[in-house]
PDB file of N, CA and C in Angstrom:
ATOM      1  N   MET A   1      -3.586  17.891  21.328  1.00  0.00           N
ATOM      2  CA  MET A   1      -2.465  17.402  20.578  1.00  0.00           C
ATOM      3  C   MET A   1      -2.244  18.347  19.399  1.00  0.00           C
ATOM      4  N   PRO A   2      -1.057  18.893  19.239  1.00  0.00           N
ATOM      5  CA  PRO A   2      -0.804  19.779  18.106  1.00  0.00           C
ATOM      6  C   PRO A   2      -0.771  18.989  16.795  1.00  0.00           C
ATOM      7  N   ILE A   3      -1.372  19.575  15.781  1.00  0.00           N
ATOM      8  CA  ILE A   3      -1.377  18.961  14.459  1.00  0.00           C
ATOM      9  C   ILE A   3      -0.713  19.941  13.505  1.00  0.00           C
ATOM     10  N   PRO A   4       0.344  19.510  12.806  1.00  0.00           N
ATOM     11  CA  PRO A   4       1.011  20.408  11.861  1.00  0.00           C
ATOM     12  C   PRO A   4       0.042  20.879  10.781  1.00  0.00           C
ATOM     13  N   CYS A   5       0.025  22.177  10.538  1.00  0.00           N
ATOM     14  CA  CYS A   5      -0.854  22.761   9.535  1.00  0.00           C
ATOM     15  C   CYS A   5      -0.019  23.580   8.568  1.00  0.00           C
ATOM     16  N   ALA A   6      -0.531  23.742   7.368  1.00  0.00           N
ATOM     17  CA  ALA A   6       0.138  24.567   6.368  1.00  0.00           C
ATOM     18  C   ALA A   6      -0.918  25.327   5.594  1.00  0.00           C
ATOM     19  N   GLY A   7      -0.616  26.582   5.289  1.00  0.00           N
ATOM     20  CA  GLY A   7      -1.505  27.371   4.446  1.00  0.00           C
ATOM     21  C   GLY A   7      -1.280  27.003   2.993  1.00  0.00           C
ATOM     22  N   CYS A   8      -2.352  26.900   2.240  1.00  0.00           N
ATOM     23  CA  CYS A   8      -2.272  26.572   0.823  1.00  0.00           C
ATOM     24  C   CYS A   8      -2.385  27.855   0.007  1.00  0.00           C
ATOM     25  N   PRO A   9      -1.864  27.847  -1.237  1.00  0.00           N
ATOM     26  CA  PRO A   9      -1.913  29.054  -2.072  1.00  0.00           C
ATOM     27  C   PRO A   9      -3.320  29.615  -2.290  1.00  0.00           C
ATOM     28  N   ASP A  10      -4.331  28.740  -2.262  1.00  0.00           N
ATOM     29  CA  ASP A  10      -5.706  29.216  -2.477  1.00  0.00           C
ATOM     30  C   ASP A  10      -6.332  29.791  -1.203  1.00  0.00           C
ATOM     31  N   GLY A  11      -5.571  29.862  -0.108  1.00  0.00           N
ATOM     32  CA  GLY A  11      -6.069  30.423   1.139  1.00  0.00           C
ATOM     33  C   GLY A  11      -6.643  29.393   2.096  1.00  0.00           C
ATOM     34  N   SER A  12      -6.783  28.143   1.652  1.00  0.00           N
ATOM     35  CA  SER A  12      -7.282  27.093   2.537  1.00  0.00           C
ATOM     36  C   SER A  12      -6.135  26.564   3.394  1.00  0.00           C
ATOM     37  N   TRP A  13      -6.490  25.703   4.337  1.00  0.00           N
ATOM     38  CA  TRP A  13      -5.498  25.114   5.226  1.00  0.00           C
ATOM     39  C   TRP A  13      -5.448  23.613   5.030  1.00  0.00           C
ATOM     40  N   TYR A  14      -4.276  23.036   5.253  1.00  0.00           N
ATOM     41  CA  TYR A  14      -4.079  21.585   5.197  1.00  0.00           C
ATOM     42  C   TYR A  14      -3.477  21.156   6.528  1.00  0.00           C
ATOM     43  N   ALA A  15      -4.024  20.114   7.113  1.00  0.00           N
ATOM     44  CA  ALA A  15      -3.499  19.610   8.381  1.00  0.00           C
ATOM     45  C   ALA A  15      -3.293  18.107   8.277  1.00  0.00           C
ATOM     46  N   ASP A  16      -2.347  17.587   9.026  1.00  0.00           N
ATOM     47  CA  ASP A  16      -2.094  16.148   9.046  1.00  0.00           C
ATOM     48  C   ASP A  16      -1.653  15.744  10.442  1.00  0.00           C
ATOM     49  N   ASN A  17      -1.788  14.461  10.733  1.00  0.00           N
ATOM     50  CA  ASN A  17      -1.401  13.904  12.026  1.00  0.00           C
ATOM     51  C   ASN A  17      -0.292  12.895  11.774  1.00  0.00           C
ATOM     52  N   PHE A  18       0.843  13.072  12.419  1.00  0.00           N
ATOM     53  CA  PHE A  18       2.008  12.233  12.162  1.00  0.00           C
ATOM     54  C   PHE A  18       2.315  11.240  13.277  1.00  0.00           C
ATOM     55  N   ASP A  19       1.395  11.057  14.220  1.00  0.00           N
ATOM     56  CA  ASP A  19       1.635  10.116  15.315  1.00  0.00           C
ATOM     57  C   ASP A  19       1.876   8.703  14.784  1.00  0.00           C
ATOM     58  N   GLY A  20       1.034   8.256  13.872  1.00  0.00           N
ATOM     59  CA  GLY A  20       1.174   6.908  13.309  1.00  0.00           C
ATOM     60  C   GLY A  20       2.448   6.746  12.514  1.00  0.00           C
ATOM     61  N   VAL A  21       2.784   7.749  11.721  1.00  0.00           N
ATOM     62  CA  VAL A  21       3.995   7.700  10.904  1.00  0.00           C
ATOM     63  C   VAL A  21       5.229   7.571  11.793  1.00  0.00           C
ATOM     64  N   GLY A  22       5.271   8.351  12.868  1.00  0.00           N
ATOM     65  CA  GLY A  22       6.410   8.280  13.790  1.00  0.00           C
ATOM     66  C   GLY A  22       6.516   6.932  14.472  1.00  0.00           C
ATOM     67  N   PHE A  23       5.380   6.369  14.865  1.00  0.00           N
ATOM     68  CA  PHE A  23       5.379   5.067  15.522  1.00  0.00           C
ATOM     69  C   PHE A  23       5.859   3.986  14.560  1.00  0.00           C
ATOM     70  N   ILE A  24       5.351   4.021  13.327  1.00  0.00           N
ATOM     71  CA  ILE A  24       5.756   3.050  12.305  1.00  0.00           C
ATOM     72  C   ILE A  24       7.255   3.171  12.034  1.00  0.00           C
ATOM     73  N   ASP A  25       7.754   4.395  11.912  1.00  0.00           N
ATOM     74  CA  ASP A  25       9.192   4.592  11.691  1.00  0.00           C
ATOM     75  C   ASP A  25      10.008   3.989  12.835  1.00  0.00           C
ATOM     76  N   GLY A  26       9.518   4.147  14.074  1.00  0.00           N
ATOM     77  CA  GLY A  26      10.208   3.567  15.230  1.00  0.00           C
ATOM     78  C   GLY A  26      10.214   2.047  15.189  1.00  0.00           C
ATOM     79  N   LEU A  27       9.087   1.446  14.807  1.00  0.00           N
ATOM     80  CA  LEU A  27       9.037  -0.018  14.679  1.00  0.00           C
ATOM     81  C   LEU A  27      10.040  -0.514  13.637  1.00  0.00           C
ATOM     82  N   LYS A  28      10.040   0.157  12.491  1.00  0.00           N
ATOM     83  CA  LYS A  28      10.952  -0.241  11.410  1.00  0.00           C
ATOM     84  C   LYS A  28      12.407  -0.079  11.844  1.00  0.00           C
ATOM     85  N   ALA A  29      12.713   1.016  12.528  1.00  0.00           N
ATOM     86  CA  ALA A  29      14.083   1.244  12.994  1.00  0.00           C
ATOM     87  C   ALA A  29      14.520   0.169  13.982  1.00  0.00           C
ATOM     88  N   GLY A  30      13.557  -0.394  14.722  1.00  0.00           N
ATOM     89  CA  GLY A  30      13.849  -1.470  15.665  1.00  0.00           C
ATOM     90  C   GLY A  30      13.850  -2.847  15.020  1.00  0.00           C
ATOM     91  N   GLY A  31      13.669  -2.889  13.699  1.00  0.00           N
ATOM     92  CA  GLY A  31      13.721  -4.156  12.984  1.00  0.00           C
ATOM     93  C   GLY A  31      12.420  -4.941  12.996  1.00  0.00           C
ATOM     94  N   HIS A  32      11.313  -4.291  13.334  1.00  0.00           N
ATOM     95  CA  HIS A  32      10.024  -4.978  13.403  1.00  0.00           C
ATOM     96  C   HIS A  32       9.297  -4.898  12.064  1.00  0.00           C
ATOM     97  N   GLN A  33       8.741  -6.009  11.643  1.00  0.00           N
ATOM     98  CA  GLN A  33       7.969  -6.075  10.410  1.00  0.00           C
ATOM     99  C   GLN A  33       6.493  -5.933  10.740  1.00  0.00           C
ATOM    100  N   ILE A  34       5.763  -5.196   9.934  1.00  0.00           N
ATOM    101  CA  ILE A  34       4.342  -4.983  10.161  1.00  0.00           C
ATOM    102  C   ILE A  34       3.510  -5.824   9.190  1.00  0.00           C
ATOM    103  N   ALA A  35       3.951  -5.904   7.961  1.00  0.00           N
ATOM    104  CA  ALA A  35       3.204  -6.622   6.925  1.00  0.00           C
ATOM    105  C   ALA A  35       2.928  -8.068   7.354  1.00  0.00           C
ATOM    106  N   GLY A  36       1.656  -8.450   7.239  1.00  0.00           N
ATOM    107  CA  GLY A  36       1.263  -9.812   7.554  1.00  0.00           C
ATOM    108  C   GLY A  36       1.070 -10.116   9.027  1.00  0.00           C
ATOM    109  N   ARG A  37       1.298  -9.147   9.901  1.00  0.00           N
ATOM    110  CA  ARG A  37       1.215  -9.379  11.353  1.00  0.00           C
ATOM    111  C   ARG A  37      -0.190  -9.149  11.886  1.00  0.00           C
ATOM    112  N   ARG A  38      -0.483  -9.790  13.020  1.00  0.00           N
ATOM    113  CA  ARG A  38      -1.709  -9.561  13.786  1.00  0.00           C
ATOM    114  C   ARG A  38      -1.348  -8.604  14.915  1.00  0.00           C
ATOM    115  N   ILE A  39      -2.125  -7.549  15.068  1.00  0.00           N
ATOM    116  CA  ILE A  39      -1.767  -6.476  15.996  1.00  0.00           C
ATOM    117  C   ILE A  39      -2.936  -6.166  16.922  1.00  0.00           C
ATOM    118  N   LEU A  40      -2.639  -6.015  18.197  1.00  0.00           N
ATOM    119  CA  LEU A  40      -3.611  -5.541  19.177  1.00  0.00           C
ATOM    120  C   LEU A  40      -3.334  -4.067  19.415  1.00  0.00           C
ATOM    121  N   GLN A  41      -4.368  -3.248  19.268  1.00  0.00           N
ATOM    122  CA  GLN A  41      -4.219  -1.816  19.515  1.00  0.00           C
ATOM    123  C   GLN A  41      -5.258  -1.372  20.522  1.00  0.00           C
ATOM    124  N   VAL A  42      -4.796  -0.696  21.568  1.00  0.00           N
ATOM    125  CA  VAL A  42      -5.686  -0.143  22.581  1.00  0.00           C
ATOM    126  C   VAL A  42      -5.725   1.361  22.379  1.00  0.00           C
ATOM    127  N   GLY A  43      -6.886   1.862  22.015  1.00  0.00           N
ATOM    128  CA  GLY A  43      -7.064   3.299  21.813  1.00  0.00           C
ATOM    129  C   GLY A  43      -7.420   3.636  20.381  1.00  0.00           C
ATOM    130  N   ALA A  44      -8.521   4.380  20.215  1.00  0.00           N
ATOM    131  CA  ALA A  44      -8.990   4.759  18.889  1.00  0.00           C
ATOM    132  C   ALA A  44      -9.231   6.263  18.789  1.00  0.00           C
ATOM    133  N   GLY A  45      -8.530   7.032  19.631  1.00  0.00           N
ATOM    134  CA  GLY A  45      -8.648   8.489  19.569  1.00  0.00           C
ATOM    135  C   GLY A  45      -7.799   9.045  18.441  1.00  0.00           C
ATOM    136  N   GLY A  46      -7.330  10.261  18.591  1.00  0.00           N
ATOM    137  CA  GLY A  46      -6.558  10.913  17.521  1.00  0.00           C
ATOM    138  C   GLY A  46      -5.297  10.166  17.135  1.00  0.00           C
ATOM    139  N   ALA A  47      -4.432   9.902  18.114  1.00  0.00           N
ATOM    140  CA  ALA A  47      -3.194   9.171  17.821  1.00  0.00           C
ATOM    141  C   ALA A  47      -3.508   7.735  17.409  1.00  0.00           C
ATOM    142  N   GLY A  48      -4.501   7.133  18.047  1.00  0.00           N
ATOM    143  CA  GLY A  48      -4.892   5.764  17.702  1.00  0.00           C
ATOM    144  C   GLY A  48      -5.417   5.661  16.287  1.00  0.00           C
ATOM    145  N   ALA A  49      -6.183   6.655  15.850  1.00  0.00           N
ATOM    146  CA  ALA A  49      -6.698   6.663  14.481  1.00  0.00           C
ATOM    147  C   ALA A  49      -5.557   6.738  13.483  1.00  0.00           C
ATOM    148  N   SER A  50      -4.600   7.611  13.759  1.00  0.00           N
ATOM    149  CA  SER A  50      -3.433   7.726  12.888  1.00  0.00           C
ATOM    150  C   SER A  50      -2.665   6.408  12.831  1.00  0.00           C
ATOM    151  N   LEU A  51      -2.494   5.791  13.981  1.00  0.00           N
ATOM    152  CA  LEU A  51      -1.754   4.530  14.046  1.00  0.00           C
ATOM    153  C   LEU A  51      -2.495   3.410  13.318  1.00  0.00           C
ATOM    154  N   THR A  52      -3.809   3.300  13.504  1.00  0.00           N
ATOM    155  CA  THR A  52      -4.581   2.250  12.841  1.00  0.00           C
ATOM    156  C   THR A  52      -4.446   2.372  11.331  1.00  0.00           C
ATOM    157  N   TYR A  53      -4.593   3.580  10.829  1.00  0.00           N
ATOM    158  CA  TYR A  53      -4.477   3.825   9.397  1.00  0.00           C
ATOM    159  C   TYR A  53      -3.087   3.421   8.892  1.00  0.00           C
ATOM    160  N   CYS A  54      -2.051   3.833   9.608  1.00  0.00           N
ATOM    161  CA  CYS A  54      -0.675   3.529   9.180  1.00  0.00           C
ATOM    162  C   CYS A  54      -0.359   2.031   9.252  1.00  0.00           C
ATOM    163  N   LEU A  55      -0.859   1.351  10.271  1.00  0.00           N
ATOM    164  CA  LEU A  55      -0.646  -0.094  10.381  1.00  0.00           C
ATOM    165  C   LEU A  55      -1.287  -0.818   9.200  1.00  0.00           C
ATOM    166  N   ALA A  56      -2.514  -0.428   8.857  1.00  0.00           N
ATOM    167  CA  ALA A  56      -3.209  -1.033   7.718  1.00  0.00           C
ATOM    168  C   ALA A  56      -2.478  -0.720   6.417  1.00  0.00           C
ATOM    169  N   GLU A  57      -2.018   0.509   6.290  1.00  0.00           N
ATOM    170  CA  GLU A  57      -1.284   0.921   5.093  1.00  0.00           C
ATOM    171  C   GLU A  57       0.005   0.123   4.920  1.00  0.00           C
ATOM    172  N   GLU A  58       0.632  -0.240   6.041  1.00  0.00           N
ATOM    173  CA  GLU A  58       1.879  -1.015   6.005  1.00  0.00           C
ATOM    174  C   GLU A  58       1.637  -2.504   5.781  1.00  0.00           C
ATOM    175  N   GLY A  59       0.365  -2.927   5.703  1.00  0.00           N
ATOM    176  CA  GLY A  59       0.066  -4.310   5.364  1.00  0.00           C
ATOM    177  C   GLY A  59      -0.229  -5.235   6.520  1.00  0.00           C
ATOM    178  N   ALA A  60      -0.604  -4.692   7.681  1.00  0.00           N
ATOM    179  CA  ALA A  60      -0.994  -5.562   8.799  1.00  0.00           C
ATOM    180  C   ALA A  60      -2.129  -6.473   8.335  1.00  0.00           C
ATOM    181  N   ALA A  61      -2.061  -7.742   8.683  1.00  0.00           N
ATOM    182  CA  ALA A  61      -3.100  -8.690   8.278  1.00  0.00           C
ATOM    183  C   ALA A  61      -4.362  -8.503   9.112  1.00  0.00           C
ATOM    184  N   GLU A  62      -4.186  -8.214  10.395  1.00  0.00           N
ATOM    185  CA  GLU A  62      -5.331  -8.062  11.296  1.00  0.00           C
ATOM    186  C   GLU A  62      -4.989  -7.049  12.376  1.00  0.00           C
ATOM    187  N   ILE A  63      -5.952  -6.200  12.679  1.00  0.00           N
ATOM    188  CA  ILE A  63      -5.819  -5.265  13.796  1.00  0.00           C
ATOM    189  C   ILE A  63      -7.003  -5.510  14.711  1.00  0.00           C
ATOM    190  N   ARG A  64      -6.725  -5.858  15.954  1.00  0.00           N
ATOM    191  CA  ARG A  64      -7.775  -5.991  16.959  1.00  0.00           C
ATOM    192  C   ARG A  64      -7.766  -4.682  17.731  1.00  0.00           C
ATOM    193  N   LEU A  65      -8.844  -3.924  17.605  1.00  0.00           N
ATOM    194  CA  LEU A  65      -8.933  -2.569  18.114  1.00  0.00           C
ATOM    195  C   LEU A  65      -9.906  -2.510  19.282  1.00  0.00           C
ATOM    196  N   THR A  66      -9.474  -1.894  20.378  1.00  0.00           N
ATOM    197  CA  THR A  66     -10.360  -1.706  21.520  1.00  0.00           C
ATOM    198  C   THR A  66     -10.203  -0.289  22.062  1.00  0.00           C
ATOM    199  N   ASP A  67     -11.290   0.237  22.602  1.00  0.00           N
ATOM    200  CA  ASP A  67     -11.297   1.588  23.144  1.00  0.00           C
ATOM    201  C   ASP A  67     -12.416   1.654  24.181  1.00  0.00           C
ATOM    202  N   ILE A  68     -12.303   2.527  25.157  1.00  0.00           N
ATOM    203  CA  ILE A  68     -13.370   2.656  26.143  1.00  0.00           C
ATOM    204  C   ILE A  68     -14.650   3.177  25.498  1.00  0.00           C
ATOM    205  N   ASP A  69     -14.516   3.848  24.355  1.00  0.00           N
ATOM    206  CA  ASP A  69     -15.671   4.312  23.580  1.00  0.00           C
ATOM    207  C   ASP A  69     -15.846   3.352  22.401  1.00  0.00           C
ATOM    208  N   HIS A  70     -16.710   2.337  22.604  1.00  0.00           N
ATOM    209  CA  HIS A  70     -16.901   1.292  21.597  1.00  0.00           C
ATOM    210  C   HIS A  70     -17.320   1.865  20.245  1.00  0.00           C
ATOM    211  N   ASP A  71     -18.193   2.872  20.252  1.00  0.00           N
ATOM    212  CA  ASP A  71     -18.653   3.469  18.999  1.00  0.00           C
ATOM    213  C   ASP A  71     -17.511   4.137  18.235  1.00  0.00           C
ATOM    214  N   ARG A  72     -16.612   4.788  18.958  1.00  0.00           N
ATOM    215  CA  ARG A  72     -15.461   5.428  18.307  1.00  0.00           C
ATOM    216  C   ARG A  72     -14.592   4.371  17.635  1.00  0.00           C
ATOM    217  N   ALA A  73     -14.368   3.250  18.323  1.00  0.00           N
ATOM    218  CA  ALA A  73     -13.573   2.167  17.739  1.00  0.00           C
ATOM    219  C   ALA A  73     -14.265   1.586  16.509  1.00  0.00           C
ATOM    220  N   ALA A  74     -15.572   1.422  16.581  1.00  0.00           N
ATOM    221  CA  ALA A  74     -16.329   0.865  15.449  1.00  0.00           C
ATOM    222  C   ALA A  74     -16.282   1.789  14.236  1.00  0.00           C
ATOM    223  N   LYS A  75     -16.413   3.094  14.473  1.00  0.00           N
ATOM    224  CA  LYS A  75     -16.351   4.061  13.365  1.00  0.00           C
ATOM    225  C   LYS A  75     -14.970   4.053  12.722  1.00  0.00           C
ATOM    226  N   LEU A  76     -13.932   4.004  13.547  1.00  0.00           N
ATOM    227  CA  LEU A  76     -12.572   3.966  13.016  1.00  0.00           C
ATOM    228  C   LEU A  76     -12.352   2.690  12.210  1.00  0.00           C
ATOM    229  N   ALA A  77     -12.807   1.568  12.735  1.00  0.00           N
ATOM    230  CA  ALA A  77     -12.655   0.292  12.027  1.00  0.00           C
ATOM    231  C   ALA A  77     -13.346   0.338  10.669  1.00  0.00           C
ATOM    232  N   ALA A  78     -14.535   0.923  10.615  1.00  0.00           N
ATOM    233  CA  ALA A  78     -15.261   1.016   9.355  1.00  0.00           C
ATOM    234  C   ALA A  78     -14.520   1.889   8.338  1.00  0.00           C
ATOM    235  N   LEU A  79     -14.012   3.035   8.790  1.00  0.00           N
ATOM    236  CA  LEU A  79     -13.288   3.926   7.887  1.00  0.00           C
ATOM    237  C   LEU A  79     -12.013   3.287   7.345  1.00  0.00           C
ATOM    238  N   VAL A  80     -11.228   2.706   8.232  1.00  0.00           N
ATOM    239  CA  VAL A  80      -9.969   2.095   7.805  1.00  0.00           C
ATOM    240  C   VAL A  80     -10.248   0.855   6.961  1.00  0.00           C
ATOM    241  N   GLY A  81     -11.277   0.095   7.321  1.00  0.00           N
ATOM    242  CA  GLY A  81     -11.631  -1.104   6.563  1.00  0.00           C
ATOM    243  C   GLY A  81     -12.034  -0.802   5.130  1.00  0.00           C
ATOM    244  N   LYS A  82     -12.702   0.328   4.903  1.00  0.00           N
ATOM    245  CA  LYS A  82     -13.078   0.719   3.537  1.00  0.00           C
ATOM    246  C   LYS A  82     -11.852   1.069   2.707  1.00  0.00           C
ATOM    247  N   THR A  83     -10.885   1.701   3.344  1.00  0.00           N
ATOM    248  CA  THR A  83      -9.684   2.113   2.631  1.00  0.00           C
ATOM    249  C   THR A  83      -8.722   0.948   2.413  1.00  0.00           C
ATOM    250  N   PHE A  84      -8.665   0.031   3.376  1.00  0.00           N
ATOM    251  CA  PHE A  84      -7.743  -1.113   3.309  1.00  0.00           C
ATOM    252  C   PHE A  84      -8.521  -2.411   3.527  1.00  0.00           C
ATOM    253  N   PRO A  85      -9.275  -2.860   2.530  1.00  0.00           N
ATOM    254  CA  PRO A  85     -10.130  -4.040   2.708  1.00  0.00           C
ATOM    255  C   PRO A  85      -9.371  -5.343   2.971  1.00  0.00           C
ATOM    256  N   LYS A  86      -8.085  -5.401   2.669  1.00  0.00           N
ATOM    257  CA  LYS A  86      -7.308  -6.622   2.922  1.00  0.00           C
ATOM    258  C   LYS A  86      -6.921  -6.762   4.395  1.00  0.00           C
ATOM    259  N   CYS A  87      -7.034  -5.682   5.150  1.00  0.00           N
ATOM    260  CA  CYS A  87      -6.706  -5.707   6.579  1.00  0.00           C
ATOM    261  C   CYS A  87      -7.987  -6.001   7.362  1.00  0.00           C
ATOM    262  N   HIS A  88      -8.014  -7.118   8.054  1.00  0.00           N
ATOM    263  CA  HIS A  88      -9.178  -7.484   8.875  1.00  0.00           C
ATOM    264  C   HIS A  88      -9.097  -6.702  10.182  1.00  0.00           C
ATOM    265  N   ILE A  89     -10.159  -5.951  10.478  1.00  0.00           N
ATOM    266  CA  ILE A  89     -10.188  -5.175  11.717  1.00  0.00           C
ATOM    267  C   ILE A  89     -11.324  -5.694  12.576  1.00  0.00           C
ATOM    268  N   GLU A  90     -10.983  -6.088  13.782  1.00  0.00           N
ATOM    269  CA  GLU A  90     -11.949  -6.622  14.735  1.00  0.00           C
ATOM    270  C   GLU A  90     -12.030  -5.671  15.915  1.00  0.00           C
ATOM    271  N   ILE A  91     -13.234  -5.473  16.441  1.00  0.00           N
ATOM    272  CA  ILE A  91     -13.440  -4.583  17.584  1.00  0.00           C
ATOM    273  C   ILE A  91     -13.481  -5.429  18.845  1.00  0.00           C
ATOM    274  N   GLY A  92     -12.640  -5.098  19.809  1.00  0.00           N
ATOM    275  CA  GLY A  92     -12.644  -5.769  21.098  1.00  0.00           C
ATOM    276  C   GLY A  92     -13.591  -5.065  22.057  1.00  0.00           C
ATOM    277  N   HIS A  93     -14.032  -5.777  23.059  1.00  0.00           N
ATOM    278  CA  HIS A  93     -14.904  -5.196  24.080  1.00  0.00           C
ATOM    279  C   HIS A  93     -14.073  -4.281  24.960  1.00  0.00           C
ATOM    280  N   PRO A  94     -14.584  -3.106  25.327  1.00  0.00           N
ATOM    281  CA  PRO A  94     -13.783  -2.156  26.100  1.00  0.00           C
ATOM    282  C   PRO A  94     -13.483  -2.583  27.531  1.00  0.00           C
ATOM    283  N   ILE A  95     -14.211  -3.561  28.077  1.00  0.00           N
ATOM    284  CA  ILE A  95     -13.953  -3.981  29.451  1.00  0.00           C
ATOM    285  C   ILE A  95     -13.215  -5.309  29.469  1.00  0.00           C
ATOM    286  N   ARG A  96     -13.717  -6.285  28.733  1.00  0.00           N
ATOM    287  CA  ARG A  96     -13.015  -7.568  28.656  1.00  0.00           C
ATOM    288  C   ARG A  96     -11.824  -7.400  27.734  1.00  0.00           C
ATOM    289  N   PRO A  97     -10.670  -7.896  28.109  1.00  0.00           N
ATOM    290  CA  PRO A  97      -9.491  -7.753  27.252  1.00  0.00           C
ATOM    291  C   PRO A  97      -9.729  -8.391  25.884  1.00  0.00           C
ATOM    292  N   ALA A  98      -9.156  -7.779  24.872  1.00  0.00           N
ATOM    293  CA  ALA A  98      -9.290  -8.274  23.499  1.00  0.00           C
ATOM    294  C   ALA A  98      -8.158  -9.254  23.170  1.00  0.00           C
ATOM    295  N   TRP A  99      -7.531  -9.795  24.173  1.00  0.00           N
ATOM    296  CA  TRP A  99      -6.430 -10.722  23.977  1.00  0.00           C
ATOM    297  C   TRP A  99      -6.477 -11.783  25.068  1.00  0.00           C
ATOM    298  N   THR A 100      -5.676 -12.780  24.909  1.00  0.00           N
ATOM    299  CA  THR A 100      -5.561 -13.834  25.918  1.00  0.00           C
ATOM    300  C   THR A 100      -4.179 -13.733  26.541  1.00  0.00           C
ATOM    301  N   TRP A 101      -4.114 -13.758  27.867  1.00  0.00           N
ATOM    302  CA  TRP A 101      -2.834 -13.701  28.560  1.00  0.00           C
ATOM    303  C   TRP A 101      -2.109 -15.019  28.363  1.00  0.00           C
ATOM    304  N   ARG A 102      -0.934 -14.969  27.784  1.00  0.00           N
ATOM    305  CA  ARG A 102      -0.119 -16.157  27.610  1.00  0.00           C
ATOM    306  C   ARG A 102       1.289 -15.813  28.081  1.00  0.00           C
ATOM    307  N   SER A 103       1.757 -16.579  29.030  1.00  0.00           N
ATOM    308  CA  SER A 103       3.083 -16.323  29.538  1.00  0.00           C
ATOM    309  C   SER A 103       3.671 -17.606  30.080  1.00  0.00           C
ATOM    310  N   THR A 104       4.961 -17.725  29.920  1.00  0.00           N
ATOM    311  CA  THR A 104       5.648 -18.885  30.496  1.00  0.00           C
ATOM    312  C   THR A 104       6.113 -18.578  31.915  1.00  0.00           C
ATOM    313  N   GLN A 105       5.977 -17.320  32.327  1.00  0.00           N
ATOM    314  CA  GLN A 105       6.388 -16.944  33.677  1.00  0.00           C
ATOM    315  C   GLN A 105       5.162 -16.814  34.571  1.00  0.00           C
ATOM    316  N   ARG A 106       5.369 -17.054  35.836  1.00  0.00           N
ATOM    317  CA  ARG A 106       4.272 -16.872  36.807  1.00  0.00           C
ATOM    318  C   ARG A 106       4.042 -15.407  37.035  1.00  0.00           C
ATOM    319  N   ARG A 107       2.773 -15.054  37.121  1.00  0.00           N
ATOM    320  CA  ARG A 107       2.437 -13.678  37.471  1.00  0.00           C
ATOM    321  C   ARG A 107       2.507 -13.535  38.972  1.00  0.00           C
ATOM    322  N   PRO A 108       2.910 -12.356  39.468  1.00  0.00           N
ATOM    323  CA  PRO A 108       2.953 -12.144  40.909  1.00  0.00           C
ATOM    324  C   PRO A 108       1.573 -12.306  41.536  1.00  0.00           C
ATOM    325  N   GLY A 109       1.552 -12.822  42.769  1.00  0.00           N
ATOM    326  CA  GLY A 109       0.305 -12.924  43.506  1.00  0.00           C
ATOM    327  C   GLY A 109      -0.284 -14.242  43.352  1.00  0.00           C
TER     328      GLY A 109
END
C-alpha cells in the first residue's frame, strides 16, 4: 500500500496513512454520524489501523475489532485505547463472529 511521504527540511522523512481519513470523509458525505456509535471493524492491518484510530478520534463509543491475527488486533486496541480512553475497544475472536446476525428477512437455504 503506498503511503504518502514528504522530505523535511532537516533531511528526515515524514509519512502518513490516509485510508482512515478517506473512509471517515466518505461516511460523513453520506450523512453518517460516528460520534457515540458502536462499530464493528474487521481487519487490523495497515488500513484497519488507520481506520480504528480515525473512528476513535471521531468519537465512536465502542469499536469491536476482529482480525485473523488476534495479537495484531490486541496491539492495535491497546495503542488506540491509550490515545482515546473514552472509546471502548473490544477484541473479537478471529473465527467466531464478533457480532450477532439479526435480520427480519430469511436467509437463503
